[in-house]
């Protein structure tokens, strides 16, 4: 009987954001919030 065991090491490193990525994420989050606010207003009418 042969038993093969593999050992894996997984390291997770926090990735630093570039300025462009940070600005893009901020714009996306703002637009998502505006969209959710509009949807809440529309659904509130029903």
N, C-alpha and C. Protein backbone atom coordinates (compact mmCIF):
# COMPACT_ATOMS: atom_id res chain seq x y z
N UNK A 1 0.85 -1.17 0.00
CA UNK A 1 0.00 0.00 0.00
C UNK A 1 0.90 1.24 0.00
N UNK A 2 0.59 2.16 -0.87
CA UNK A 2 1.36 3.39 -0.97
C UNK A 2 0.50 4.56 -0.56
N UNK A 3 1.02 5.39 0.30
CA UNK A 3 0.30 6.56 0.77
C UNK A 3 1.10 7.80 0.40
N UNK A 4 0.56 8.57 -0.48
CA UNK A 4 1.24 9.80 -0.89
C UNK A 4 0.55 10.99 -0.22
N UNK A 5 1.32 11.78 0.45
CA UNK A 5 0.79 12.95 1.14
C UNK A 5 1.51 14.19 0.59
N UNK A 6 0.72 15.14 0.18
CA UNK A 6 1.28 16.38 -0.36
C UNK A 6 1.02 17.50 0.64
N UNK A 7 2.03 18.29 0.89
CA UNK A 7 1.90 19.42 1.80
C UNK A 7 1.98 20.71 0.98
N UNK A 8 0.96 21.53 1.13
CA UNK A 8 0.92 22.79 0.43
C UNK A 8 0.96 23.93 1.43
N UNK A 9 1.70 24.93 1.10
CA UNK A 9 1.73 26.13 1.92
C UNK A 9 1.12 27.25 1.10
N UNK A 10 0.10 27.85 1.65
CA UNK A 10 -0.57 28.95 0.97
C UNK A 10 -0.34 30.21 1.79
N UNK A 11 0.22 31.19 1.15
CA UNK A 11 0.42 32.45 1.85
C UNK A 11 -0.45 33.51 1.18
N UNK A 12 -1.09 34.30 1.99
CA UNK A 12 -1.97 35.36 1.51
C UNK A 12 -1.34 36.69 1.89
N UNK A 13 -1.16 37.50 0.87
CA UNK A 13 -0.54 38.79 1.09
C UNK A 13 -1.51 39.88 0.66
N UNK A 14 -1.73 40.85 1.51
CA UNK A 14 -2.62 41.94 1.17
C UNK A 14 -1.98 42.77 0.06
N UNK A 15 -2.79 42.98 -0.98
CA UNK A 15 -2.29 43.72 -2.13
C UNK A 15 -2.56 45.20 -1.93
N UNK A 16 -1.55 46.01 -2.14
CA UNK A 16 -1.72 47.45 -2.03
C UNK A 16 -2.42 47.97 -3.28
N UNK A 17 -3.35 48.88 -3.09
CA UNK A 17 -4.08 49.46 -4.21
C UNK A 17 -3.31 50.65 -4.77
N UNK A 18 -3.36 50.76 -6.09
CA UNK A 18 -2.79 51.95 -6.69
C UNK A 18 -3.81 53.08 -6.56
N UNK A 19 -3.39 54.27 -6.81
CA UNK A 19 -4.28 55.42 -6.69
C UNK A 19 -5.44 55.30 -7.67
N UNK A 20 -5.17 54.87 -8.90
CA UNK A 20 -6.23 54.72 -9.90
C UNK A 20 -7.26 53.68 -9.46
N UNK A 21 -6.80 52.57 -8.91
CA UNK A 21 -7.74 51.53 -8.46
C UNK A 21 -8.60 52.03 -7.31
N UNK A 22 -7.99 52.77 -6.39
CA UNK A 22 -8.74 53.30 -5.24
C UNK A 22 -9.81 54.29 -5.71
N UNK A 23 -9.47 55.14 -6.66
CA UNK A 23 -10.44 56.11 -7.19
C UNK A 23 -11.56 55.37 -7.92
N UNK A 24 -11.20 54.36 -8.70
CA UNK A 24 -12.20 53.58 -9.44
C UNK A 24 -13.17 52.91 -8.47
N UNK A 25 -12.66 52.30 -7.43
CA UNK A 25 -13.53 51.64 -6.45
C UNK A 25 -14.46 52.63 -5.77
N UNK A 26 -13.94 53.80 -5.47
CA UNK A 26 -14.77 54.82 -4.82
C UNK A 26 -15.90 55.26 -5.73
N UNK A 27 -15.60 55.46 -7.02
CA UNK A 27 -16.63 55.86 -7.98
C UNK A 27 -17.68 54.76 -8.13
N UNK A 28 -17.23 53.52 -8.21
CA UNK A 28 -18.17 52.40 -8.35
C UNK A 28 -19.08 52.30 -7.13
N UNK A 29 -18.51 52.40 -5.94
CA UNK A 29 -19.32 52.33 -4.72
C UNK A 29 -20.34 53.48 -4.66
N UNK A 30 -19.94 54.67 -5.09
CA UNK A 30 -20.84 55.81 -5.09
C UNK A 30 -22.00 55.57 -6.05
N UNK A 31 -21.70 55.06 -7.25
CA UNK A 31 -22.76 54.80 -8.23
C UNK A 31 -23.69 53.68 -7.76
N UNK A 32 -23.14 52.67 -7.11
CA UNK A 32 -23.98 51.60 -6.59
C UNK A 32 -24.92 52.13 -5.52
N UNK A 33 -24.42 52.99 -4.65
CA UNK A 33 -25.26 53.57 -3.59
C UNK A 33 -26.36 54.43 -4.19
N UNK A 34 -26.02 55.22 -5.22
CA UNK A 34 -27.03 56.05 -5.87
C UNK A 34 -28.10 55.19 -6.52
N UNK A 35 -27.71 54.10 -7.13
CA UNK A 35 -28.65 53.18 -7.76
C UNK A 35 -29.56 52.55 -6.72
N UNK A 36 -29.00 52.13 -5.60
CA UNK A 36 -29.82 51.53 -4.54
C UNK A 36 -30.80 52.56 -3.98
N UNK A 37 -30.36 53.80 -3.82
CA UNK A 37 -31.25 54.85 -3.31
C UNK A 37 -32.42 55.08 -4.27
N UNK A 38 -32.12 55.11 -5.59
CA UNK A 38 -33.18 55.28 -6.57
C UNK A 38 -34.17 54.12 -6.53
N UNK A 39 -33.65 52.90 -6.42
CA UNK A 39 -34.52 51.73 -6.37
C UNK A 39 -35.41 51.76 -5.14
N UNK A 40 -34.87 52.19 -4.01
CA UNK A 40 -35.67 52.27 -2.79
C UNK A 40 -36.78 53.30 -2.95
N UNK A 41 -36.47 54.42 -3.58
CA UNK A 41 -37.50 55.44 -3.80
C UNK A 41 -38.60 54.92 -4.71
N UNK A 42 -38.23 54.23 -5.77
CA UNK A 42 -39.22 53.69 -6.71
C UNK A 42 -40.06 52.61 -6.03
N UNK A 43 -39.45 51.72 -5.31
CA UNK A 43 -40.18 50.63 -4.66
C UNK A 43 -41.03 51.16 -3.51
N UNK A 44 -40.67 52.28 -2.93
CA UNK A 44 -41.44 52.85 -1.85
C UNK A 44 -42.81 53.34 -2.29
N UNK A 45 -42.95 53.59 -3.58
CA UNK A 45 -44.22 54.07 -4.10
C UNK A 45 -45.25 52.96 -4.19
N UNK A 46 -44.81 51.72 -4.20
CA UNK A 46 -45.74 50.60 -4.40
C UNK A 46 -46.12 49.96 -3.09
